[in-house]
Amino acid sequence: MKYCCFLLGMLLFQISFGQEQAVFYFDNNKFELNKTEAAKLQKWIAGNTTSKILSITGSTDEVGNSGYNDTLSQKRVSHIFNQIKGKVNIRLDFKSISLGEKGATSTNKAENRKAIIHYLSEKDLDKENEVLGIKVAVPEVVIPEDAPLEEKVRLAKVGTKIILKNINFYQNTFATMPESQGTLYDLLFIMQNNPDLRIEIQGHICCIDKDYRNLSLDRAKQIKRFLVYNGIQEYRVKTKGFGVSQPIYPIPEATPEQAAANRRVEIEILSKK
């Protein structure tokens, strides 16, 4: 068993809400439990065969030198571990922590001569990662570029940005051109069919060094006006204009195609079910 020595502050940082503790005390200068504490440990083992042990910490009082106390606390942890090994479930990343005299938190010396089992009871095992603050990696969903808008929204996670294709405006205005109607109605139907969906419409422009007229925001607001006019609650749609601050291609653009790519409207998914 590998021993790790941490400062008490680090230990306290690691202890999360939902963990439980069982404390066992040692006689002065001893690393094996006396009969009373040994019986208490066996009773705890019998009642926790379905629990899971996260770590065991050992500590001493401040009598003696620190090197000796570190060794003594390690032996106390080892003694407890050997008693529970094979009888109670233990996490694969189990830690044994020797605090030595640094674990002395009480003015009563007897209360500092102890080992603590940190564990999760059976009722908390289903939220083990949550209790320990472990984030489970979620596989990234690949959204096909040519997928219909409805499919993109369905696959998107909160925070995903989706470009609204075929949204065009008359030059230097926020008025949409007729060919934009298809995408606008697609977005409207998606919002109608997904009442918990909230989005932010984000406008971008191209070709100039600064959005002096805030045209990118006005264009985003124009799309929101269309949605609200057709019955979508206003609170479900936010707007933002980024001007030329987030171009896909460097400005000035090298080709008309790059300019068209920079001149876009996106939606960001704010919440959904």
C-alpha atoms as a PDB file:
ATOM      1  CA  MET A   1       0.000   0.000   0.000  1.00  0.00           C
ATOM      2  CA  LYS A   2       1.363   3.357  -0.988  1.00  0.00           C
ATOM      3  CA  TYR A   3       1.331   6.105   1.618  1.00  0.00           C
ATOM      4  CA  CYS A   4       0.825   9.780   0.844  1.00  0.00           C
ATOM      5  CA  CYS A   5       1.430  12.583   3.312  1.00  0.00           C
ATOM      6  CA  PHE A   6      -0.697  15.696   2.931  1.00  0.00           C
ATOM      7  CA  LEU A   7      -1.217  18.787   5.017  1.00  0.00           C
ATOM      8  CA  LEU A   8      -4.431  18.885   6.988  1.00  0.00           C
ATOM      9  CA  GLY A   9      -5.699  21.768   4.898  1.00  0.00           C
ATOM     10  CA  MET A  10      -5.462  19.661   1.758  1.00  0.00           C
ATOM     11  CA  LEU A  11      -7.384  16.875   3.437  1.00  0.00           C
ATOM     12  CA  LEU A  12     -10.193  19.189   4.455  1.00  0.00           C
ATOM     13  CA  PHE A  13     -10.338  20.524   0.909  1.00  0.00           C
ATOM     14  CA  GLN A  14     -10.813  17.012  -0.438  1.00  0.00           C
ATOM     15  CA  ILE A  15     -13.648  16.042   1.900  1.00  0.00           C
ATOM     16  CA  SER A  16     -16.889  16.648   0.006  1.00  0.00           C
ATOM     17  CA  PHE A  17     -20.509  16.898   1.050  1.00  0.00           C
ATOM     18  CA  GLY A  18     -22.114  13.434   1.161  1.00  0.00           C
ATOM     19  CA  GLN A  19     -19.120  11.541   2.527  1.00  0.00           C
ATOM     20  CA  GLU A  20     -19.391   9.916   5.927  1.00  0.00           C
ATOM     21  CA  GLN A  21     -16.729   9.222   8.538  1.00  0.00           C
ATOM     22  CA  ALA A  22     -15.993   6.522  11.086  1.00  0.00           C
ATOM     23  CA  VAL A  23     -13.416   7.431  13.751  1.00  0.00           C
ATOM     24  CA  PHE A  24     -11.338   4.952  15.766  1.00  0.00           C
ATOM     25  CA  TYR A  25      -9.029   5.919  18.622  1.00  0.00           C
ATOM     26  CA  PHE A  26      -5.689   4.445  19.690  1.00  0.00           C
ATOM     27  CA  ASP A  27      -3.972   4.230  23.032  1.00  0.00           C
ATOM     28  CA  ASN A  28      -0.878   6.348  23.553  1.00  0.00           C
ATOM     29  CA  ASN A  29       2.038   5.270  21.353  1.00  0.00           C
ATOM     30  CA  LYS A  30       0.064   2.302  19.927  1.00  0.00           C
ATOM     31  CA  PHE A  31      -0.812   1.499  16.332  1.00  0.00           C
ATOM     32  CA  GLU A  32      -3.187  -1.390  17.052  1.00  0.00           C
ATOM     33  CA  LEU A  33      -6.685  -0.848  18.420  1.00  0.00           C
ATOM     34  CA  ASN A  34      -7.525  -1.855  21.953  1.00  0.00           C
ATOM     35  CA  LYS A  35     -10.341  -4.354  22.533  1.00  0.00           C
ATOM     36  CA  THR A  36     -13.059  -1.724  22.790  1.00  0.00           C
ATOM     37  CA  GLU A  37     -12.086   0.105  19.594  1.00  0.00           C
ATOM     38  CA  ALA A  38     -11.419  -3.185  17.771  1.00  0.00           C
ATOM     39  CA  ALA A  39     -14.946  -4.333  18.594  1.00  0.00           C
ATOM     40  CA  LYS A  40     -16.278  -0.985  17.364  1.00  0.00           C
ATOM     41  CA  LEU A  41     -14.406  -1.451  14.078  1.00  0.00           C
ATOM     42  CA  GLN A  42     -15.780  -4.971  13.579  1.00  0.00           C
ATOM     43  CA  LYS A  43     -19.287  -3.688  14.223  1.00  0.00           C
ATOM     44  CA  TRP A  44     -18.752  -0.921  11.649  1.00  0.00           C
ATOM     45  CA  ILE A  45     -17.468  -3.458   9.102  1.00  0.00           C
ATOM     46  CA  ALA A  46     -20.520  -5.683   9.628  1.00  0.00           C
ATOM     47  CA  GLY A  47     -22.843  -2.744   9.030  1.00  0.00           C
ATOM     48  CA  ASN A  48     -21.021  -1.375   5.969  1.00  0.00           C
ATOM     49  CA  THR A  49     -20.335  -4.312   3.665  1.00  0.00           C
ATOM     50  CA  THR A  50     -22.167  -2.445   0.878  1.00  0.00           C
ATOM     51  CA  SER A  51     -20.474   0.910   1.518  1.00  0.00           C
ATOM     52  CA  LYS A  52     -17.397   2.121  -0.359  1.00  0.00           C
ATOM     53  CA  ILE A  53     -14.235   3.386   1.310  1.00  0.00           C
ATOM     54  CA  LEU A  54     -12.614   6.472  -0.209  1.00  0.00           C
ATOM     55  CA  SER A  55      -9.645   7.015   2.098  1.00  0.00           C
ATOM     56  CA  ILE A  56      -8.229   6.409   5.552  1.00  0.00           C
ATOM     57  CA  THR A  57      -6.373   9.118   7.435  1.00  0.00           C
ATOM     58  CA  GLY A  58      -4.214   8.610  10.476  1.00  0.00           C
ATOM     59  CA  SER A  59      -2.956  11.111  13.040  1.00  0.00           C
ATOM     60  CA  THR A  60      -1.158  11.331  16.377  1.00  0.00           C
ATOM     61  CA  ASP A  61      -0.831  13.690  19.285  1.00  0.00           C
ATOM     62  CA  GLU A  62       2.106  16.105  19.410  1.00  0.00           C
ATOM     63  CA  VAL A  63       4.171  14.134  21.913  1.00  0.00           C
ATOM     64  CA  GLY A  64       7.504  13.024  20.415  1.00  0.00           C
ATOM     65  CA  ASN A  65       9.257  14.132  17.239  1.00  0.00           C
ATOM     66  CA  SER A  66       7.447  14.610  13.951  1.00  0.00           C
ATOM     67  CA  GLY A  67       9.306  11.836  12.110  1.00  0.00           C
ATOM     68  CA  TYR A  68       8.291   9.242  14.684  1.00  0.00           C
ATOM     69  CA  ASN A  69       4.709  10.514  14.686  1.00  0.00           C
ATOM     70  CA  ASP A  70       4.498  10.312  10.891  1.00  0.00           C
ATOM     71  CA  THR A  71       5.554   6.664  11.039  1.00  0.00           C
ATOM     72  CA  LEU A  72       3.131   5.933  13.874  1.00  0.00           C
ATOM     73  CA  SER A  73       0.170   7.450  12.016  1.00  0.00           C
ATOM     74  CA  GLN A  74       1.078   5.431   8.913  1.00  0.00           C
ATOM     75  CA  LYS A  75       1.053   2.249  10.985  1.00  0.00           C
ATOM     76  CA  ARG A  76      -2.371   3.165  12.352  1.00  0.00           C
ATOM     77  CA  VAL A  77      -3.729   3.593   8.840  1.00  0.00           C
ATOM     78  CA  SER A  78      -2.155   0.284   7.795  1.00  0.00           C
ATOM     79  CA  HIS A  79      -3.690  -1.504  10.774  1.00  0.00           C
ATOM     80  CA  ILE A  80      -7.187  -0.248   9.919  1.00  0.00           C
ATOM     81  CA  PHE A  81      -6.720  -1.064   6.243  1.00  0.00           C
ATOM     82  CA  ASN A  82      -5.670  -4.643   6.988  1.00  0.00           C
ATOM     83  CA  GLN A  83      -8.780  -5.127   9.134  1.00  0.00           C
ATOM     84  CA  ILE A  84     -11.218  -3.981   6.437  1.00  0.00           C
ATOM     85  CA  LYS A  85      -9.428  -5.333   3.355  1.00  0.00           C
ATOM     86  CA  GLY A  86     -11.672  -7.748   1.466  1.00  0.00           C
ATOM     87  CA  LYS A  87     -14.656  -7.014   3.720  1.00  0.00           C
ATOM     88  CA  VAL A  88     -15.763  -3.563   2.541  1.00  0.00           C
ATOM     89  CA  ASN A  89     -15.625  -2.152  -1.003  1.00  0.00           C
ATOM     90  CA  ILE A  90     -12.719   0.211  -1.665  1.00  0.00           C
ATOM     91  CA  ARG A  91     -12.375   2.723  -4.507  1.00  0.00           C
ATOM     92  CA  LEU A  92      -9.670   1.975  -7.056  1.00  0.00           C
ATOM     93  CA  ASP A  93      -8.136   5.381  -6.335  1.00  0.00           C
ATOM     94  CA  PHE A  94      -8.199   4.744  -2.577  1.00  0.00           C
ATOM     95  CA  LYS A  95      -5.829   6.969  -0.602  1.00  0.00           C
ATOM     96  CA  SER A  96      -4.086   6.293   2.686  1.00  0.00           C
ATOM     97  CA  ILE A  97      -3.140   9.588   4.281  1.00  0.00           C
ATOM     98  CA  SER A  98      -0.677   9.963   7.125  1.00  0.00           C
ATOM     99  CA  LEU A  99      -1.020  13.308   8.881  1.00  0.00           C
ATOM    100  CA  GLY A 100       1.168  12.540  11.860  1.00  0.00           C
ATOM    101  CA  GLU A 101       0.969  15.292  14.452  1.00  0.00           C
ATOM    102  CA  LYS A 102      -0.285  17.723  11.771  1.00  0.00           C
ATOM    103  CA  GLY A 103      -3.672  16.061  12.232  1.00  0.00           C
ATOM    104  CA  ALA A 104      -3.849  17.159  15.859  1.00  0.00           C
ATOM    105  CA  THR A 105      -6.920  19.385  16.013  1.00  0.00           C
ATOM    106  CA  SER A 106      -8.002  18.923  19.626  1.00  0.00           C
ATOM    107  CA  THR A 107      -6.510  20.137  22.897  1.00  0.00           C
ATOM    108  CA  ASN A 108      -7.320  16.662  24.232  1.00  0.00           C
ATOM    109  CA  LYS A 109      -4.353  14.478  23.226  1.00  0.00           C
ATOM    110  CA  ALA A 110      -6.438  11.286  23.287  1.00  0.00           C
ATOM    111  CA  GLU A 111      -8.760  12.695  20.602  1.00  0.00           C
ATOM    112  CA  ASN A 112      -5.817  13.218  18.234  1.00  0.00           C
ATOM    113  CA  ARG A 113      -4.624   9.586  18.387  1.00  0.00           C
ATOM    114  CA  LYS A 114      -6.995   8.315  15.737  1.00  0.00           C
ATOM    115  CA  ALA A 115      -7.695   6.940  12.274  1.00  0.00           C
ATOM    116  CA  ILE A 116     -10.662   8.085  10.206  1.00  0.00           C
ATOM    117  CA  ILE A 117     -12.376   6.049   7.501  1.00  0.00           C
ATOM    118  CA  HIS A 118     -13.947   8.305   4.866  1.00  0.00           C
ATOM    119  CA  TYR A 119     -16.654   6.409   3.000  1.00  0.00           C
ATOM    120  CA  LEU A 120     -19.873   6.527   1.015  1.00  0.00           C
ATOM    121  CA  SER A 121     -22.840   4.586   2.329  1.00  0.00           C
ATOM    122  CA  GLU A 122     -24.899   2.485  -0.055  1.00  0.00           C
ATOM    123  CA  LYS A 123     -27.619   5.148  -0.355  1.00  0.00           C
ATOM    124  CA  ASP A 124     -25.101   7.625  -1.823  1.00  0.00           C
ATOM    125  CA  LEU A 125     -23.306   5.320  -4.267  1.00  0.00           C
ATOM    126  CA  ASP A 126     -25.567   6.297  -7.172  1.00  0.00           C
ATOM    127  CA  LYS A 127     -24.266   9.862  -6.929  1.00  0.00           C
ATOM    128  CA  GLU A 128     -20.670   8.898  -6.168  1.00  0.00           C
ATOM    129  CA  ASN A 129     -19.111  11.033  -8.897  1.00  0.00           C
ATOM    130  CA  GLU A 130     -21.244  14.030  -7.921  1.00  0.00           C
ATOM    131  CA  VAL A 131     -20.259  13.745  -4.258  1.00  0.00           C
ATOM    132  CA  LEU A 132     -16.579  13.490  -5.172  1.00  0.00           C
ATOM    133  CA  GLY A 133     -16.749  16.307  -7.720  1.00  0.00           C
ATOM    134  CA  ILE A 134     -15.799  14.004 -10.598  1.00  0.00           C
ATOM    135  CA  LYS A 135     -17.045  15.110 -13.987  1.00  0.00           C
ATOM    136  CA  VAL A 136     -17.903  12.228 -16.279  1.00  0.00           C
ATOM    137  CA  ALA A 137     -16.732  12.817 -19.827  1.00  0.00           C
ATOM    138  CA  VAL A 138     -19.655  13.103 -22.233  1.00  0.00           C
ATOM    139  CA  PRO A 139     -18.964  11.875 -25.773  1.00  0.00           C
ATOM    140  CA  GLU A 140     -18.913  14.763 -28.225  1.00  0.00           C
ATOM    141  CA  VAL A 141     -21.819  14.750 -30.640  1.00  0.00           C
ATOM    142  CA  VAL A 142     -20.825  15.444 -34.232  1.00  0.00           C
ATOM    143  CA  ILE A 143     -23.427  17.541 -36.029  1.00  0.00           C
ATOM    144  CA  PRO A 144     -23.296  17.058 -39.820  1.00  0.00           C
ATOM    145  CA  GLU A 145     -22.755  20.339 -41.638  1.00  0.00           C
ATOM    146  CA  ASP A 146     -25.486  19.525 -44.178  1.00  0.00           C
ATOM    147  CA  ALA A 147     -28.059  18.397 -41.589  1.00  0.00           C
ATOM    148  CA  PRO A 148     -31.422  20.215 -41.528  1.00  0.00           C
ATOM    149  CA  LEU A 149     -31.682  22.996 -38.956  1.00  0.00           C
ATOM    150  CA  GLU A 150     -34.149  20.967 -36.875  1.00  0.00           C
ATOM    151  CA  GLU A 151     -31.673  18.081 -36.657  1.00  0.00           C
ATOM    152  CA  LYS A 152     -28.829  20.414 -35.684  1.00  0.00           C
ATOM    153  CA  VAL A 153     -30.872  21.888 -32.851  1.00  0.00           C
ATOM    154  CA  ARG A 154     -31.918  18.425 -31.678  1.00  0.00           C
ATOM    155  CA  LEU A 155     -28.307  17.226 -31.491  1.00  0.00           C
ATOM    156  CA  ALA A 156     -26.884  20.452 -30.078  1.00  0.00           C
ATOM    157  CA  LYS A 157     -25.907  20.813 -26.440  1.00  0.00           C
ATOM    158  CA  VAL A 158     -26.257  23.979 -24.394  1.00  0.00           C
ATOM    159  CA  GLY A 159     -23.593  26.409 -25.584  1.00  0.00           C
ATOM    160  CA  THR A 160     -23.523  25.102 -29.160  1.00  0.00           C
ATOM    161  CA  LYS A 161     -23.616  27.717 -31.916  1.00  0.00           C
ATOM    162  CA  ILE A 162     -25.410  27.002 -35.186  1.00  0.00           C
ATOM    163  CA  ILE A 163     -25.125  29.132 -38.314  1.00  0.00           C
ATOM    164  CA  LEU A 164     -28.480  30.015 -39.877  1.00  0.00           C
ATOM    165  CA  LYS A 165     -27.916  29.360 -43.556  1.00  0.00           C
ATOM    166  CA  ASN A 166     -29.544  31.398 -46.311  1.00  0.00           C
ATOM    167  CA  ILE A 167     -30.291  34.383 -44.091  1.00  0.00           C
ATOM    168  CA  ASN A 168     -29.594  37.409 -46.267  1.00  0.00           C
ATOM    169  CA  PHE A 169     -30.170  41.125 -45.750  1.00  0.00           C
ATOM    170  CA  TYR A 170     -30.421  44.043 -48.123  1.00  0.00           C
ATOM    171  CA  GLN A 171     -27.109  45.865 -48.270  1.00  0.00           C
ATOM    172  CA  ASN A 172     -26.365  48.027 -45.230  1.00  0.00           C
ATOM    173  CA  THR A 173     -29.812  47.359 -43.703  1.00  0.00           C
ATOM    174  CA  PHE A 174     -31.392  44.922 -41.287  1.00  0.00           C
ATOM    175  CA  ALA A 175     -34.239  44.098 -43.696  1.00  0.00           C
ATOM    176  CA  THR A 176     -34.229  40.405 -44.662  1.00  0.00           C
ATOM    177  CA  MET A 177     -34.395  39.411 -48.306  1.00  0.00           C
ATOM    178  CA  PRO A 178     -37.202  37.111 -49.571  1.00  0.00           C
ATOM    179  CA  GLU A 179     -34.897  34.072 -49.827  1.00  0.00           C
ATOM    180  CA  SER A 180     -34.489  34.197 -46.037  1.00  0.00           C
ATOM    181  CA  GLN A 181     -38.102  33.194 -45.393  1.00  0.00           C
ATOM    182  CA  GLY A 182     -37.465  29.444 -45.556  1.00  0.00           C
ATOM    183  CA  THR A 183     -34.874  29.500 -42.780  1.00  0.00           C
ATOM    184  CA  LEU A 184     -36.879  31.966 -40.696  1.00  0.00           C
ATOM    185  CA  TYR A 185     -39.925  29.701 -40.748  1.00  0.00           C
ATOM    186  CA  ASP A 186     -37.782  26.646 -40.027  1.00  0.00           C
ATOM    187  CA  LEU A 187     -36.512  28.422 -36.910  1.00  0.00           C
ATOM    188  CA  LEU A 188     -40.040  29.484 -35.965  1.00  0.00           C
ATOM    189  CA  PHE A 189     -41.376  25.917 -36.199  1.00  0.00           C
ATOM    190  CA  ILE A 190     -38.465  24.641 -34.112  1.00  0.00           C
ATOM    191  CA  MET A 191     -39.189  27.204 -31.401  1.00  0.00           C
ATOM    192  CA  GLN A 192     -42.906  26.333 -31.498  1.00  0.00           C
ATOM    193  CA  ASN A 193     -42.247  22.599 -31.216  1.00  0.00           C
ATOM    194  CA  ASN A 194     -39.678  22.971 -28.428  1.00  0.00           C
ATOM    195  CA  PRO A 195     -41.248  25.216 -25.767  1.00  0.00           C
ATOM    196  CA  ASP A 196     -38.276  24.784 -23.416  1.00  0.00           C
ATOM    197  CA  LEU A 197     -35.766  25.921 -26.038  1.00  0.00           C
ATOM    198  CA  ARG A 198     -34.121  29.283 -25.417  1.00  0.00           C
ATOM    199  CA  ILE A 199     -31.647  30.820 -27.835  1.00  0.00           C
ATOM    200  CA  GLU A 200     -29.458  33.833 -28.395  1.00  0.00           C
ATOM    201  CA  ILE A 201     -29.418  35.217 -31.925  1.00  0.00           C
ATOM    202  CA  GLN A 202     -25.959  36.538 -32.768  1.00  0.00           C
ATOM    203  CA  GLY A 203     -25.224  38.860 -35.664  1.00  0.00           C
ATOM    204  CA  HIS A 204     -21.886  39.216 -37.480  1.00  0.00           C
ATOM    205  CA  ILE A 205     -20.860  41.463 -40.364  1.00  0.00           C
ATOM    206  CA  CYS A 206     -17.902  41.545 -42.715  1.00  0.00           C
ATOM    207  CA  CYS A 207     -15.558  43.684 -44.712  1.00  0.00           C
ATOM    208  CA  ILE A 208     -15.035  46.708 -42.417  1.00  0.00           C
ATOM    209  CA  ASP A 209     -12.843  47.404 -39.411  1.00  0.00           C
ATOM    210  CA  LYS A 210     -15.692  48.296 -37.032  1.00  0.00           C
ATOM    211  CA  ASP A 211     -19.472  47.984 -36.783  1.00  0.00           C
ATOM    212  CA  TYR A 212     -20.064  51.723 -36.367  1.00  0.00           C
ATOM    213  CA  ARG A 213     -23.849  51.483 -36.800  1.00  0.00           C
ATOM    214  CA  ASN A 214     -24.277  48.322 -34.696  1.00  0.00           C
ATOM    215  CA  LEU A 215     -25.786  46.691 -37.763  1.00  0.00           C
ATOM    216  CA  SER A 216     -24.971  43.189 -36.528  1.00  0.00           C
ATOM    217  CA  LEU A 217     -27.191  43.687 -33.471  1.00  0.00           C
ATOM    218  CA  ASP A 218     -29.986  45.250 -35.523  1.00  0.00           C
ATOM    219  CA  ARG A 219     -30.004  42.209 -37.818  1.00  0.00           C
ATOM    220  CA  ALA A 220     -30.197  39.852 -34.836  1.00  0.00           C
ATOM    221  CA  LYS A 221     -33.072  41.914 -33.427  1.00  0.00           C
ATOM    222  CA  GLN A 222     -34.894  41.739 -36.762  1.00  0.00           C
ATOM    223  CA  ILE A 223     -34.946  37.941 -36.589  1.00  0.00           C
ATOM    224  CA  LYS A 224     -36.173  38.113 -32.995  1.00  0.00           C
ATOM    225  CA  ARG A 225     -38.962  40.469 -34.089  1.00  0.00           C
ATOM    226  CA  PHE A 226     -40.070  37.884 -36.643  1.00  0.00           C
ATOM    227  CA  LEU A 227     -40.215  35.151 -33.994  1.00  0.00           C
ATOM    228  CA  VAL A 228     -42.002  37.288 -31.401  1.00  0.00           C
ATOM    229  CA  TYR A 229     -44.486  38.583 -34.001  1.00  0.00           C
ATOM    230  CA  ASN A 230     -45.360  34.954 -34.730  1.00  0.00           C
ATOM    231  CA  GLY A 231     -46.033  34.065 -31.107  1.00  0.00           C
ATOM    232  CA  ILE A 232     -42.691  33.120 -29.555  1.00  0.00           C
ATOM    233  CA  GLN A 233     -42.318  34.494 -26.029  1.00  0.00           C
ATOM    234  CA  GLU A 234     -39.817  37.329 -25.954  1.00  0.00           C
ATOM    235  CA  TYR A 235     -37.912  35.970 -22.943  1.00  0.00           C
ATOM    236  CA  ARG A 236     -36.933  32.878 -24.945  1.00  0.00           C
ATOM    237  CA  VAL A 237     -34.925  34.879 -27.459  1.00  0.00           C
ATOM    238  CA  LYS A 238     -31.910  37.019 -26.623  1.00  0.00           C
ATOM    239  CA  THR A 239     -29.860  39.000 -29.132  1.00  0.00           C
ATOM    240  CA  LYS A 240     -26.254  40.084 -29.444  1.00  0.00           C
ATOM    241  CA  GLY A 241     -24.241  41.842 -32.123  1.00  0.00           C
ATOM    242  CA  PHE A 242     -20.581  40.906 -32.487  1.00  0.00           C
ATOM    243  CA  GLY A 243     -19.804  43.237 -35.367  1.00  0.00           C
ATOM    244  CA  VAL A 244     -16.495  42.083 -36.869  1.00  0.00           C
ATOM    245  CA  SER A 245     -15.013  40.838 -33.579  1.00  0.00           C
ATOM    246  CA  GLN A 246     -15.454  37.125 -34.344  1.00  0.00           C
ATOM    247  CA  PRO A 247     -14.714  36.623 -38.042  1.00  0.00           C
ATOM    248  CA  ILE A 248     -14.304  33.143 -39.453  1.00  0.00           C
ATOM    249  CA  TYR A 249     -11.730  34.538 -41.896  1.00  0.00           C
ATOM    250  CA  PRO A 250      -9.326  37.449 -41.310  1.00  0.00           C
ATOM    251  CA  ILE A 251     -10.519  40.919 -42.307  1.00  0.00           C
ATOM    252  CA  PRO A 252     -10.102  42.193 -44.967  1.00  0.00           C
ATOM    253  CA  GLU A 253     -11.358  38.999 -46.569  1.00  0.00           C
ATOM    254  CA  ALA A 254      -9.408  37.603 -49.515  1.00  0.00           C
ATOM    255  CA  THR A 255     -12.445  36.408 -51.495  1.00  0.00           C
ATOM    256  CA  PRO A 256     -16.191  37.074 -51.777  1.00  0.00           C
ATOM    257  CA  GLU A 257     -16.758  33.602 -50.302  1.00  0.00           C
ATOM    258  CA  GLN A 258     -14.812  34.529 -47.172  1.00  0.00           C
ATOM    259  CA  ALA A 259     -16.799  37.750 -46.853  1.00  0.00           C
ATOM    260  CA  ALA A 260     -20.057  35.803 -47.137  1.00  0.00           C
ATOM    261  CA  ALA A 261     -18.903  33.377 -44.429  1.00  0.00           C
ATOM    262  CA  ASN A 262     -18.047  36.228 -42.060  1.00  0.00           C
ATOM    263  CA  ARG A 263     -21.369  37.943 -42.760  1.00  0.00           C
ATOM    264  CA  ARG A 264     -23.587  35.523 -40.877  1.00  0.00           C
ATOM    265  CA  VAL A 265     -26.248  35.012 -38.230  1.00  0.00           C
ATOM    266  CA  GLU A 266     -25.881  32.293 -35.610  1.00  0.00           C
ATOM    267  CA  ILE A 267     -28.022  30.974 -32.811  1.00  0.00           C
ATOM    268  CA  GLU A 268     -26.516  29.792 -29.540  1.00  0.00           C
ATOM    269  CA  ILE A 269     -28.451  27.239 -27.510  1.00  0.00           C
ATOM    270  CA  LEU A 270     -29.038  28.713 -24.036  1.00  0.00           C
ATOM    271  CA  SER A 271     -31.269  25.981 -22.616  1.00  0.00           C
ATOM    272  CA  LYS A 272     -33.249  23.009 -23.880  1.00  0.00           C
ATOM    273  CA  LYS A 273     -34.669  19.655 -22.858  1.00  0.00           C
END
